[in-house]
Amino acid sequence: MRRSIIETIEREPDLMVCGQAEDAPEIPAIVALQPDVVLTDLQLKSSSGFDLINALRARVPEIPIVVTTMFDVRRSERIARAAGASGFVSKANGSDHLIATLREVLGKTKERDENL
């Protein structure tokens, strides 16, 4: 699934994948890459996407985080947003919705930076 998401993002001329991680313990690597946005699934290898959100918010509170899942979507979105997710995409919505959500979150970040 990750490969498919990466390919979807890489097909877009204005988007690029700068790295990938399998689990929340890889947070130092994520922080070191300084991505414009983090995309995470709620189901990680040995932890939860909620753990990743919480850990990233503690280390880099300004980084936008987009969450995706295919399980219990309404509940997951509510909890993810409460934890600090900037955006949410159900895997059932397809790749167009994912790309639109990433662009929306990136646009809000750009607007915020321009207003500082």
PDB file of N, CA and C in Angstrom:
ATOM      1  N   MET A   1       0.820  -1.186   0.000  1.00  0.00           N
ATOM      2  CA  MET A   1       0.000   0.000   0.000  1.00  0.00           C
ATOM      3  C   MET A   1       0.871   1.259   0.000  1.00  0.00           C
ATOM      4  N   ARG A   2       1.952   1.232   0.786  1.00  0.00           N
ATOM      5  CA  ARG A   2       2.831   2.405   0.844  1.00  0.00           C
ATOM      6  C   ARG A   2       3.412   2.713  -0.531  1.00  0.00           C
ATOM      7  N   ARG A   3       3.827   1.682  -1.245  1.00  0.00           N
ATOM      8  CA  ARG A   3       4.398   1.883  -2.591  1.00  0.00           C
ATOM      9  C   ARG A   3       3.383   2.563  -3.516  1.00  0.00           C
ATOM     10  N   SER A   4       2.142   2.146  -3.430  1.00  0.00           N
ATOM     11  CA  SER A   4       1.092   2.734  -4.261  1.00  0.00           C
ATOM     12  C   SER A   4       0.887   4.215  -3.921  1.00  0.00           C
ATOM     13  N   ILE A   5       0.910   4.538  -2.642  1.00  0.00           N
ATOM     14  CA  ILE A   5       0.755   5.929  -2.225  1.00  0.00           C
ATOM     15  C   ILE A   5       1.936   6.764  -2.711  1.00  0.00           C
ATOM     16  N   ILE A   6       3.132   6.228  -2.571  1.00  0.00           N
ATOM     17  CA  ILE A   6       4.329   6.946  -3.033  1.00  0.00           C
ATOM     18  C   ILE A   6       4.256   7.197  -4.536  1.00  0.00           C
ATOM     19  N   GLU A   7       3.879   6.184  -5.298  1.00  0.00           N
ATOM     20  CA  GLU A   7       3.761   6.346  -6.744  1.00  0.00           C
ATOM     21  C   GLU A   7       2.720   7.402  -7.103  1.00  0.00           C
ATOM     22  N   THR A   8       1.609   7.418  -6.369  1.00  0.00           N
ATOM     23  CA  THR A   8       0.568   8.414  -6.610  1.00  0.00           C
ATOM     24  C   THR A   8       1.105   9.819  -6.386  1.00  0.00           C
ATOM     25  N   ILE A   9       1.820  10.008  -5.296  1.00  0.00           N
ATOM     26  CA  ILE A   9       2.368  11.327  -4.981  1.00  0.00           C
ATOM     27  C   ILE A   9       3.444  11.724  -5.993  1.00  0.00           C
ATOM     28  N   GLU A  10       4.320  10.796  -6.326  1.00  0.00           N
ATOM     29  CA  GLU A  10       5.432  11.086  -7.244  1.00  0.00           C
ATOM     30  C   GLU A  10       4.960  11.414  -8.668  1.00  0.00           C
ATOM     31  N   ARG A  11       3.755  11.004  -9.042  1.00  0.00           N
ATOM     32  CA  ARG A  11       3.222  11.344 -10.370  1.00  0.00           C
ATOM     33  C   ARG A  11       2.844  12.822 -10.484  1.00  0.00           C
ATOM     34  N   GLU A  12       2.734  13.487  -9.345  1.00  0.00           N
ATOM     35  CA  GLU A  12       2.332  14.891  -9.334  1.00  0.00           C
ATOM     36  C   GLU A  12       3.568  15.775  -9.496  1.00  0.00           C
ATOM     37  N   PRO A  13       3.547  16.707 -10.452  1.00  0.00           N
ATOM     38  CA  PRO A  13       4.742  17.515 -10.707  1.00  0.00           C
ATOM     39  C   PRO A  13       5.127  18.446  -9.557  1.00  0.00           C
ATOM     40  N   ASP A  14       4.169  18.782  -8.700  1.00  0.00           N
ATOM     41  CA  ASP A  14       4.447  19.723  -7.614  1.00  0.00           C
ATOM     42  C   ASP A  14       4.638  19.054  -6.253  1.00  0.00           C
ATOM     43  N   LEU A  15       4.637  17.723  -6.224  1.00  0.00           N
ATOM     44  CA  LEU A  15       4.801  16.983  -4.973  1.00  0.00           C
ATOM     45  C   LEU A  15       5.960  16.009  -5.087  1.00  0.00           C
ATOM     46  N   MET A  16       6.600  15.739  -3.948  1.00  0.00           N
ATOM     47  CA  MET A  16       7.727  14.815  -3.932  1.00  0.00           C
ATOM     48  C   MET A  16       7.775  14.117  -2.586  1.00  0.00           C
ATOM     49  N   VAL A  17       8.072  12.838  -2.599  1.00  0.00           N
ATOM     50  CA  VAL A  17       8.277  12.088  -1.374  1.00  0.00           C
ATOM     51  C   VAL A  17       9.747  12.217  -1.001  1.00  0.00           C
ATOM     52  N   CYS A  18      10.022  12.753   0.185  1.00  0.00           N
ATOM     53  CA  CYS A  18      11.424  12.959   0.583  1.00  0.00           C
ATOM     54  C   CYS A  18      11.917  11.845   1.500  1.00  0.00           C
ATOM     55  N   GLY A  19      11.012  10.991   1.957  1.00  0.00           N
ATOM     56  CA  GLY A  19      11.421   9.890   2.820  1.00  0.00           C
ATOM     57  C   GLY A  19      10.220   9.077   3.237  1.00  0.00           C
ATOM     58  N   GLN A  20      10.493   7.977   3.886  1.00  0.00           N
ATOM     59  CA  GLN A  20       9.417   7.127   4.385  1.00  0.00           C
ATOM     60  C   GLN A  20       9.888   6.400   5.631  1.00  0.00           C
ATOM     61  N   ALA A  21       8.936   6.079   6.487  1.00  0.00           N
ATOM     62  CA  ALA A  21       9.241   5.386   7.735  1.00  0.00           C
ATOM     63  C   ALA A  21       8.155   4.355   7.989  1.00  0.00           C
ATOM     64  N   GLU A  22       8.522   3.289   8.639  1.00  0.00           N
ATOM     65  CA  GLU A  22       7.561   2.227   8.930  1.00  0.00           C
ATOM     66  C   GLU A  22       6.860   2.396  10.261  1.00  0.00           C
ATOM     67  N   ASP A  23       7.440   3.187  11.167  1.00  0.00           N
ATOM     68  CA  ASP A  23       6.920   3.187  12.520  1.00  0.00           C
ATOM     69  C   ASP A  23       7.243   4.478  13.255  1.00  0.00           C
ATOM     70  N   ALA A  24       6.552   4.720  14.336  1.00  0.00           N
ATOM     71  CA  ALA A  24       6.738   5.928  15.142  1.00  0.00           C
ATOM     72  C   ALA A  24       8.148   6.068  15.719  1.00  0.00           C
ATOM     73  N   PRO A  25       8.851   4.999  16.072  1.00  0.00           N
ATOM     74  CA  PRO A  25      10.207   5.187  16.598  1.00  0.00           C
ATOM     75  C   PRO A  25      11.177   5.844  15.617  1.00  0.00           C
ATOM     76  N   GLU A  26      10.794   5.992  14.375  1.00  0.00           N
ATOM     77  CA  GLU A  26      11.659   6.619  13.379  1.00  0.00           C
ATOM     78  C   GLU A  26      11.502   8.142  13.339  1.00  0.00           C
ATOM     79  N   ILE A  27      10.949   8.704  14.391  1.00  0.00           N
ATOM     80  CA  ILE A  27      10.698  10.138  14.441  1.00  0.00           C
ATOM     81  C   ILE A  27      11.962  10.976  14.252  1.00  0.00           C
ATOM     82  N   PRO A  28      13.103  10.630  14.851  1.00  0.00           N
ATOM     83  CA  PRO A  28      14.298  11.450  14.595  1.00  0.00           C
ATOM     84  C   PRO A  28      14.628  11.564  13.104  1.00  0.00           C
ATOM     85  N   ALA A  29      14.427  10.504  12.348  1.00  0.00           N
ATOM     86  CA  ALA A  29      14.683  10.554  10.903  1.00  0.00           C
ATOM     87  C   ALA A  29      13.682  11.466  10.210  1.00  0.00           C
ATOM     88  N   ILE A  30      12.434  11.422  10.639  1.00  0.00           N
ATOM     89  CA  ILE A  30      11.407  12.292  10.054  1.00  0.00           C
ATOM     90  C   ILE A  30      11.753  13.751  10.334  1.00  0.00           C
ATOM     91  N   VAL A  31      12.102  14.040  11.574  1.00  0.00           N
ATOM     92  CA  VAL A  31      12.449  15.410  11.952  1.00  0.00           C
ATOM     93  C   VAL A  31      13.672  15.897  11.167  1.00  0.00           C
ATOM     94  N   ALA A  32      14.658  15.039  10.995  1.00  0.00           N
ATOM     95  CA  ALA A  32      15.884  15.411  10.270  1.00  0.00           C
ATOM     96  C   ALA A  32      15.599  15.761   8.810  1.00  0.00           C
ATOM     97  N   LEU A  33      14.623  15.112   8.202  1.00  0.00           N
ATOM     98  CA  LEU A  33      14.285  15.391   6.798  1.00  0.00           C
ATOM     99  C   LEU A  33      13.598  16.742   6.618  1.00  0.00           C
ATOM    100  N   GLN A  34      13.001  17.261   7.649  1.00  0.00           N
ATOM    101  CA  GLN A  34      12.259  18.519   7.598  1.00  0.00           C
ATOM    102  C   GLN A  34      11.237  18.545   6.461  1.00  0.00           C
ATOM    103  N   PRO A  35      10.328  17.572   6.437  1.00  0.00           N
ATOM    104  CA  PRO A  35       9.331  17.544   5.357  1.00  0.00           C
ATOM    105  C   PRO A  35       8.326  18.681   5.496  1.00  0.00           C
ATOM    106  N   ASP A  36       7.704  19.031   4.391  1.00  0.00           N
ATOM    107  CA  ASP A  36       6.659  20.059   4.401  1.00  0.00           C
ATOM    108  C   ASP A  36       5.369  19.520   5.006  1.00  0.00           C
ATOM    109  N   VAL A  37       5.173  18.206   4.910  1.00  0.00           N
ATOM    110  CA  VAL A  37       3.997  17.551   5.466  1.00  0.00           C
ATOM    111  C   VAL A  37       4.356  16.090   5.749  1.00  0.00           C
ATOM    112  N   VAL A  38       3.724  15.525   6.762  1.00  0.00           N
ATOM    113  CA  VAL A  38       3.898  14.105   7.074  1.00  0.00           C
ATOM    114  C   VAL A  38       2.571  13.416   6.795  1.00  0.00           C
ATOM    115  N   LEU A  39       2.628  12.326   6.064  1.00  0.00           N
ATOM    116  CA  LEU A  39       1.462  11.490   5.794  1.00  0.00           C
ATOM    117  C   LEU A  39       1.647  10.200   6.567  1.00  0.00           C
ATOM    118  N   THR A  40       0.691   9.861   7.413  1.00  0.00           N
ATOM    119  CA  THR A  40       0.804   8.633   8.192  1.00  0.00           C
ATOM    120  C   THR A  40      -0.487   7.841   8.180  1.00  0.00           C
ATOM    121  N   ASP A  41      -0.323   6.558   8.206  1.00  0.00           N
ATOM    122  CA  ASP A  41      -1.440   5.647   8.390  1.00  0.00           C
ATOM    123  C   ASP A  41      -1.647   5.514   9.894  1.00  0.00           C
ATOM    124  N   LEU A  42      -2.839   5.154  10.316  1.00  0.00           N
ATOM    125  CA  LEU A  42      -3.061   4.916  11.734  1.00  0.00           C
ATOM    126  C   LEU A  42      -2.542   3.553  12.166  1.00  0.00           C
ATOM    127  N   GLN A  43      -2.397   2.640  11.228  1.00  0.00           N
ATOM    128  CA  GLN A  43      -1.888   1.305  11.528  1.00  0.00           C
ATOM    129  C   GLN A  43      -0.416   1.236  11.147  1.00  0.00           C
ATOM    130  N   LEU A  44       0.458   1.362  12.130  1.00  0.00           N
ATOM    131  CA  LEU A  44       1.884   1.279  11.877  1.00  0.00           C
ATOM    132  C   LEU A  44       2.412  -0.082  12.316  1.00  0.00           C
ATOM    133  N   LYS A  45       3.662  -0.334  12.022  1.00  0.00           N
ATOM    134  CA  LYS A  45       4.265  -1.646  12.260  1.00  0.00           C
ATOM    135  C   LYS A  45       4.119  -2.120  13.710  1.00  0.00           C
ATOM    136  N   SER A  46       4.577  -1.328  14.664  1.00  0.00           N
ATOM    137  CA  SER A  46       4.495  -1.766  16.062  1.00  0.00           C
ATOM    138  C   SER A  46       3.861  -0.713  16.962  1.00  0.00           C
ATOM    139  N   SER A  47       3.269   0.304  16.360  1.00  0.00           N
ATOM    140  CA  SER A  47       2.637   1.355  17.149  1.00  0.00           C
ATOM    141  C   SER A  47       1.441   1.891  16.373  1.00  0.00           C
ATOM    142  N   SER A  48       0.971   3.006  16.817  1.00  0.00           N
ATOM    143  CA  SER A  48      -0.203   3.603  16.195  1.00  0.00           C
ATOM    144  C   SER A  48       0.168   4.946  15.575  1.00  0.00           C
ATOM    145  N   GLY A  49      -0.580   5.349  14.575  1.00  0.00           N
ATOM    146  CA  GLY A  49      -0.406   6.665  13.996  1.00  0.00           C
ATOM    147  C   GLY A  49      -0.655   7.754  15.024  1.00  0.00           C
ATOM    148  N   PHE A  50      -1.495   7.454  16.020  1.00  0.00           N
ATOM    149  CA  PHE A  50      -1.735   8.415  17.095  1.00  0.00           C
ATOM    150  C   PHE A  50      -0.448   8.656  17.886  1.00  0.00           C
ATOM    151  N   ASP A  51       0.332   7.589  18.103  1.00  0.00           N
ATOM    152  CA  ASP A  51       1.633   7.745  18.773  1.00  0.00           C
ATOM    153  C   ASP A  51       2.539   8.660  17.960  1.00  0.00           C
ATOM    154  N   LEU A  52       2.531   8.461  16.658  1.00  0.00           N
ATOM    155  CA  LEU A  52       3.351   9.290  15.772  1.00  0.00           C
ATOM    156  C   LEU A  52       2.907  10.752  15.822  1.00  0.00           C
ATOM    157  N   ILE A  53       1.610  10.991  15.748  1.00  0.00           N
ATOM    158  CA  ILE A  53       1.091  12.360  15.815  1.00  0.00           C
ATOM    159  C   ILE A  53       1.532  13.019  17.116  1.00  0.00           C
ATOM    160  N   ASN A  54       1.318  12.335  18.225  1.00  0.00           N
ATOM    161  CA  ASN A  54       1.669  12.906  19.527  1.00  0.00           C
ATOM    162  C   ASN A  54       3.159  13.201  19.630  1.00  0.00           C
ATOM    163  N   ALA A  55       3.980  12.277  19.170  1.00  0.00           N
ATOM    164  CA  ALA A  55       5.429  12.461  19.248  1.00  0.00           C
ATOM    165  C   ALA A  55       5.893  13.595  18.336  1.00  0.00           C
ATOM    166  N   LEU A  56       5.338  13.673  17.133  1.00  0.00           N
ATOM    167  CA  LEU A  56       5.712  14.764  16.220  1.00  0.00           C
ATOM    168  C   LEU A  56       5.242  16.111  16.752  1.00  0.00           C
ATOM    169  N   ARG A  57       4.048  16.159  17.294  1.00  0.00           N
ATOM    170  CA  ARG A  57       3.536  17.414  17.862  1.00  0.00           C
ATOM    171  C   ARG A  57       4.440  17.887  19.000  1.00  0.00           C
ATOM    172  N   ALA A  58       4.980  16.956  19.778  1.00  0.00           N
ATOM    173  CA  ALA A  58       5.879  17.314  20.879  1.00  0.00           C
ATOM    174  C   ALA A  58       7.212  17.849  20.359  1.00  0.00           C
ATOM    175  N   ARG A  59       7.689  17.296  19.251  1.00  0.00           N
ATOM    176  CA  ARG A  59       9.009  17.686  18.710  1.00  0.00           C
ATOM    177  C   ARG A  59       8.936  18.828  17.710  1.00  0.00           C
ATOM    178  N   VAL A  60       7.945  18.780  16.826  1.00  0.00           N
ATOM    179  CA  VAL A  60       7.819  19.774  15.752  1.00  0.00           C
ATOM    180  C   VAL A  60       6.341  20.163  15.634  1.00  0.00           C
ATOM    181  N   PRO A  61       5.865  21.006  16.545  1.00  0.00           N
ATOM    182  CA  PRO A  61       4.422  21.284  16.596  1.00  0.00           C
ATOM    183  C   PRO A  61       3.842  21.911  15.337  1.00  0.00           C
ATOM    184  N   GLU A  62       4.662  22.575  14.547  1.00  0.00           N
ATOM    185  CA  GLU A  62       4.137  23.277  13.372  1.00  0.00           C
ATOM    186  C   GLU A  62       4.013  22.401  12.126  1.00  0.00           C
ATOM    187  N   ILE A  63       4.552  21.207  12.142  1.00  0.00           N
ATOM    188  CA  ILE A  63       4.527  20.374  10.937  1.00  0.00           C
ATOM    189  C   ILE A  63       3.112  19.856  10.668  1.00  0.00           C
ATOM    190  N   PRO A  64       2.623  20.029   9.451  1.00  0.00           N
ATOM    191  CA  PRO A  64       1.305  19.486   9.114  1.00  0.00           C
ATOM    192  C   PRO A  64       1.366  17.952   9.022  1.00  0.00           C
ATOM    193  N   ILE A  65       0.331  17.324   9.530  1.00  0.00           N
ATOM    194  CA  ILE A  65       0.245  15.862   9.511  1.00  0.00           C
ATOM    195  C   ILE A  65      -1.084  15.473   8.889  1.00  0.00           C
ATOM    196  N   VAL A  66      -1.022  14.644   7.853  1.00  0.00           N
ATOM    197  CA  VAL A  66      -2.217  14.106   7.217  1.00  0.00           C
ATOM    198  C   VAL A  66      -2.288  12.628   7.578  1.00  0.00           C
ATOM    199  N   VAL A  67      -3.457  12.215   8.012  1.00  0.00           N
ATOM    200  CA  VAL A  67      -3.668  10.843   8.469  1.00  0.00           C
ATOM    201  C   VAL A  67      -4.565  10.112   7.480  1.00  0.00           C
ATOM    202  N   THR A  68      -4.255   8.847   7.281  1.00  0.00           N
ATOM    203  CA  THR A  68      -5.086   8.002   6.427  1.00  0.00           C
ATOM    204  C   THR A  68      -5.350   6.669   7.121  1.00  0.00           C
ATOM    205  N   THR A  69      -6.494   6.109   6.829  1.00  0.00           N
ATOM    206  CA  THR A  69      -6.851   4.789   7.350  1.00  0.00           C
ATOM    207  C   THR A  69      -8.017   4.251   6.545  1.00  0.00           C
ATOM    208  N   MET A  70      -8.318   2.985   6.770  1.00  0.00           N
ATOM    209  CA  MET A  70      -9.508   2.407   6.153  1.00  0.00           C
ATOM    210  C   MET A  70     -10.414   1.790   7.210  1.00  0.00           C
ATOM    211  N   PHE A  71     -10.038   1.949   8.485  1.00  0.00           N
ATOM    212  CA  PHE A  71     -10.793   1.353   9.580  1.00  0.00           C
ATOM    213  C   PHE A  71     -11.546   2.418  10.376  1.00  0.00           C
ATOM    214  N   ASP A  72     -12.820   2.185  10.637  1.00  0.00           N
ATOM    215  CA  ASP A  72     -13.628   3.048  11.499  1.00  0.00           C
ATOM    216  C   ASP A  72     -13.331   4.519  11.218  1.00  0.00           C
ATOM    217  N   VAL A  73     -13.596   4.911   9.997  1.00  0.00           N
ATOM    218  CA  VAL A  73     -13.148   6.199   9.471  1.00  0.00           C
ATOM    219  C   VAL A  73     -13.661   7.388  10.285  1.00  0.00           C
ATOM    220  N   ARG A  74     -14.915   7.442  10.595  1.00  0.00           N
ATOM    221  CA  ARG A  74     -15.453   8.617  11.312  1.00  0.00           C
ATOM    222  C   ARG A  74     -14.812   8.782  12.685  1.00  0.00           C
ATOM    223  N   ARG A  75     -14.735   7.700  13.420  1.00  0.00           N
ATOM    224  CA  ARG A  75     -14.129   7.745  14.754  1.00  0.00           C
ATOM    225  C   ARG A  75     -12.638   8.076  14.640  1.00  0.00           C
ATOM    226  N   SER A  76     -11.974   7.447  13.701  1.00  0.00           N
ATOM    227  CA  SER A  76     -10.535   7.680  13.521  1.00  0.00           C
ATOM    228  C   SER A  76     -10.247   9.130  13.163  1.00  0.00           C
ATOM    229  N   GLU A  77     -11.062   9.702  12.286  1.00  0.00           N
ATOM    230  CA  GLU A  77     -10.841  11.102  11.910  1.00  0.00           C
ATOM    231  C   GLU A  77     -11.016  12.017  13.113  1.00  0.00           C
ATOM    232  N   ARG A  78     -12.055  11.791  13.889  1.00  0.00           N
ATOM    233  CA  ARG A  78     -12.307  12.630  15.059  1.00  0.00           C
ATOM    234  C   ARG A  78     -11.135  12.568  16.041  1.00  0.00           C
ATOM    235  N   ILE A  79     -10.652  11.368  16.316  1.00  0.00           N
ATOM    236  CA  ILE A  79      -9.542  11.193  17.258  1.00  0.00           C
ATOM    237  C   ILE A  79      -8.244  11.756  16.681  1.00  0.00           C
ATOM    238  N   ALA A  80      -8.003  11.530  15.395  1.00  0.00           N
ATOM    239  CA  ALA A  80      -6.784  12.034  14.758  1.00  0.00           C
ATOM    240  C   ALA A  80      -6.740  13.557  14.793  1.00  0.00           C
ATOM    241  N   ARG A  81      -7.845  14.182  14.492  1.00  0.00           N
ATOM    242  CA  ARG A  81      -7.881  15.653  14.523  1.00  0.00           C
ATOM    243  C   ARG A  81      -7.701  16.170  15.947  1.00  0.00           C
ATOM    244  N   ALA A  82      -8.309  15.488  16.913  1.00  0.00           N
ATOM    245  CA  ALA A  82      -8.130  15.879  18.318  1.00  0.00           C
ATOM    246  C   ALA A  82      -6.675  15.740  18.752  1.00  0.00           C
ATOM    247  N   ALA A  83      -5.972  14.762  18.174  1.00  0.00           N
ATOM    248  CA  ALA A  83      -4.560  14.552  18.501  1.00  0.00           C
ATOM    249  C   ALA A  83      -3.647  15.558  17.805  1.00  0.00           C
ATOM    250  N   GLY A  84      -4.181  16.256  16.810  1.00  0.00           N
ATOM    251  CA  GLY A  84      -3.374  17.274  16.138  1.00  0.00           C
ATOM    252  C   GLY A  84      -3.173  17.077  14.656  1.00  0.00           C
ATOM    253  N   ALA A  85      -3.892  16.152  14.042  1.00  0.00           N
ATOM    254  CA  ALA A  85      -3.778  15.966  12.596  1.00  0.00           C
ATOM    255  C   ALA A  85      -4.321  17.197  11.867  1.00  0.00           C
ATOM    256  N   SER A  86      -3.642  17.585  10.818  1.00  0.00           N
ATOM    257  CA  SER A  86      -4.046  18.737  10.011  1.00  0.00           C
ATOM    258  C   SER A  86      -5.053  18.354   8.939  1.00  0.00           C
ATOM    259  N   GLY A  87      -5.025  17.093   8.539  1.00  0.00           N
ATOM    260  CA  GLY A  87      -5.916  16.602   7.500  1.00  0.00           C
ATOM    261  C   GLY A  87      -6.158  15.119   7.678  1.00  0.00           C
ATOM    262  N   PHE A  88      -7.184  14.628   7.012  1.00  0.00           N
ATOM    263  CA  PHE A  88      -7.551  13.220   7.132  1.00  0.00           C
ATOM    264  C   PHE A  88      -8.091  12.739   5.801  1.00  0.00           C
ATOM    265  N   VAL A  89      -7.683  11.521   5.411  1.00  0.00           N
ATOM    266  CA  VAL A  89      -8.145  10.927   4.160  1.00  0.00           C
ATOM    267  C   VAL A  89      -8.486   9.470   4.409  1.00  0.00           C
ATOM    268  N   SER A  90      -9.689   9.078   4.048  1.00  0.00           N
ATOM    269  CA  SER A  90     -10.043   7.667   4.070  1.00  0.00           C
ATOM    270  C   SER A  90      -9.437   7.009   2.839  1.00  0.00           C
ATOM    271  N   LYS A  91      -8.832   5.851   3.010  1.00  0.00           N
ATOM    272  CA  LYS A  91      -8.255   5.153   1.860  1.00  0.00           C
ATOM    273  C   LYS A  91      -9.322   4.802   0.827  1.00  0.00           C
ATOM    274  N   ALA A  92     -10.564   4.708   1.279  1.00  0.00           N
ATOM    275  CA  ALA A  92     -11.659   4.397   0.366  1.00  0.00           C
ATOM    276  C   ALA A  92     -11.956   5.561  -0.580  1.00  0.00           C
ATOM    277  N   ASN A  93     -11.488   6.754  -0.245  1.00  0.00           N
ATOM    278  CA  ASN A  93     -11.758   7.932  -1.086  1.00  0.00           C
ATOM    279  C   ASN A  93     -10.895   8.003  -2.329  1.00  0.00           C
ATOM    280  N   GLY A  94      -9.831   7.239  -2.385  1.00  0.00           N
ATOM    281  CA  GLY A  94      -9.009   7.200  -3.588  1.00  0.00           C
ATOM    282  C   GLY A  94      -7.894   8.214  -3.622  1.00  0.00           C
ATOM    283  N   SER A  95      -7.061   8.071  -4.648  1.00  0.00           N
ATOM    284  CA  SER A  95      -5.845   8.866  -4.751  1.00  0.00           C
ATOM    285  C   SER A  95      -6.110  10.343  -5.048  1.00  0.00           C
ATOM    286  N   ASP A  96      -7.156  10.666  -5.789  1.00  0.00           N
ATOM    287  CA  ASP A  96      -7.445  12.074  -6.083  1.00  0.00           C
ATOM    288  C   ASP A  96      -7.727  12.851  -4.800  1.00  0.00           C
ATOM    289  N   HIS A  97      -8.449  12.215  -3.897  1.00  0.00           N
ATOM    290  CA  HIS A  97      -8.776  12.863  -2.618  1.00  0.00           C
ATOM    291  C   HIS A  97      -7.517  13.027  -1.764  1.00  0.00           C
ATOM    292  N   LEU A  98      -6.638  12.041  -1.802  1.00  0.00           N
ATOM    293  CA  LEU A  98      -5.375  12.130  -1.069  1.00  0.00           C
ATOM    294  C   LEU A  98      -4.559  13.324  -1.567  1.00  0.00           C
ATOM    295  N   ILE A  99      -4.397  13.431  -2.871  1.00  0.00           N
ATOM    296  CA  ILE A  99      -3.615  14.522  -3.455  1.00  0.00           C
ATOM    297  C   ILE A  99      -4.256  15.867  -3.122  1.00  0.00           C
ATOM    298  N   ALA A 100      -5.570  15.955  -3.225  1.00  0.00           N
ATOM    299  CA  ALA A 100      -6.262  17.212  -2.911  1.00  0.00           C
ATOM    300  C   ALA A 100      -6.062  17.592  -1.445  1.00  0.00           C
ATOM    301  N   THR A 101      -6.110  16.622  -0.556  1.00  0.00           N
ATOM    302  CA  THR A 101      -5.915  16.897   0.868  1.00  0.00           C
ATOM    303  C   THR A 101      -4.494  17.346   1.147  1.00  0.00           C
ATOM    304  N   LEU A 102      -3.508  16.686   0.541  1.00  0.00           N
ATOM    305  CA  LEU A 102      -2.119  17.109   0.720  1.00  0.00           C
ATOM    306  C   LEU A 102      -1.923  18.542   0.238  1.00  0.00           C
ATOM    307  N   ARG A 103      -2.464  18.864  -0.927  1.00  0.00           N
ATOM    308  CA  ARG A 103      -2.323  20.222  -1.466  1.00  0.00           C
ATOM    309  C   ARG A 103      -3.040  21.240  -0.570  1.00  0.00           C
ATOM    310  N   GLU A 104      -4.199  20.871  -0.067  1.00  0.00           N
ATOM    311  CA  GLU A 104      -4.938  21.770   0.822  1.00  0.00           C
ATOM    312  C   GLU A 104      -4.131  22.064   2.085  1.00  0.00           C
ATOM    313  N   VAL A 105      -3.591  21.029   2.700  1.00  0.00           N
ATOM    314  CA  VAL A 105      -2.799  21.209   3.918  1.00  0.00           C
ATOM    315  C   VAL A 105      -1.534  22.010   3.621  1.00  0.00           C
ATOM    316  N   LEU A 106      -0.870  21.708   2.528  1.00  0.00           N
ATOM    317  CA  LEU A 106       0.331  22.453   2.149  1.00  0.00           C
ATOM    318  C   LEU A 106      -0.001  23.917   1.848  1.00  0.00           C
ATOM    319  N   GLY A 107      -1.143  24.166   1.242  1.00  0.00           N
ATOM    320  CA  GLY A 107      -1.571  25.538   0.958  1.00  0.00           C
ATOM    321  C   GLY A 107      -1.823  26.326   2.221  1.00  0.00           C
ATOM    322  N   LYS A 108      -2.438  25.694   3.205  1.00  0.00           N
ATOM    323  CA  LYS A 108      -2.682  26.367   4.483  1.00  0.00           C
ATOM    324  C   LYS A 108      -1.361  26.680   5.176  1.00  0.00           C
ATOM    325  N   THR A 109      -0.411  25.774   5.075  1.00  0.00           N
ATOM    326  CA  THR A 109       0.901  25.999   5.683  1.00  0.00           C
ATOM    327  C   THR A 109       1.588  27.176   5.003  1.00  0.00           C
ATOM    328  N   LYS A 110       1.515  27.222   3.677  1.00  0.00           N
ATOM    329  CA  LYS A 110       2.137  28.315   2.925  1.00  0.00           C
ATOM    330  C   LYS A 110       1.497  29.647   3.303  1.00  0.00           C
ATOM    331  N   GLU A 111       0.158  29.659   3.411  1.00  0.00           N
ATOM    332  CA  GLU A 111      -0.547  30.882   3.789  1.00  0.00           C
ATOM    333  C   GLU A 111      -0.131  31.342   5.184  1.00  0.00           C
ATOM    334  N   ARG A 112      -0.012  30.389   6.119  1.00  0.00           N
ATOM    335  CA  ARG A 112       0.382  30.715   7.492  1.00  0.00           C
ATOM    336  C   ARG A 112       1.796  31.316   7.492  1.00  0.00           C
ATOM    337  N   ASP A 113       2.714  30.705   6.751  1.00  0.00           N
ATOM    338  CA  ASP A 113       4.084  31.194   6.701  1.00  0.00           C
ATOM    339  C   ASP A 113       4.161  32.593   6.098  1.00  0.00           C
ATOM    340  N   GLU A 114       3.347  32.860   5.100  1.00  0.00           N
ATOM    341  CA  GLU A 114       3.350  34.168   4.457  1.00  0.00           C
ATOM    342  C   GLU A 114       2.803  35.244   5.374  1.00  0.00           C
ATOM    343  N   ASN A 115       1.938  34.864   6.326  1.00  0.00           N
ATOM    344  CA  ASN A 115       1.341  35.832   7.242  1.00  0.00           C
ATOM    345  C   ASN A 115       2.196  36.082   8.477  1.00  0.00           C
ATOM    346  N   LEU A 116       3.293  35.376   8.629  1.00  0.00           N
ATOM    347  CA  LEU A 116       4.153  35.564   9.810  1.00  0.00           C
ATOM    348  C   LEU A 116       5.047  36.754   9.658  1.00  0.00           C
TER     349      LEU A 116
END
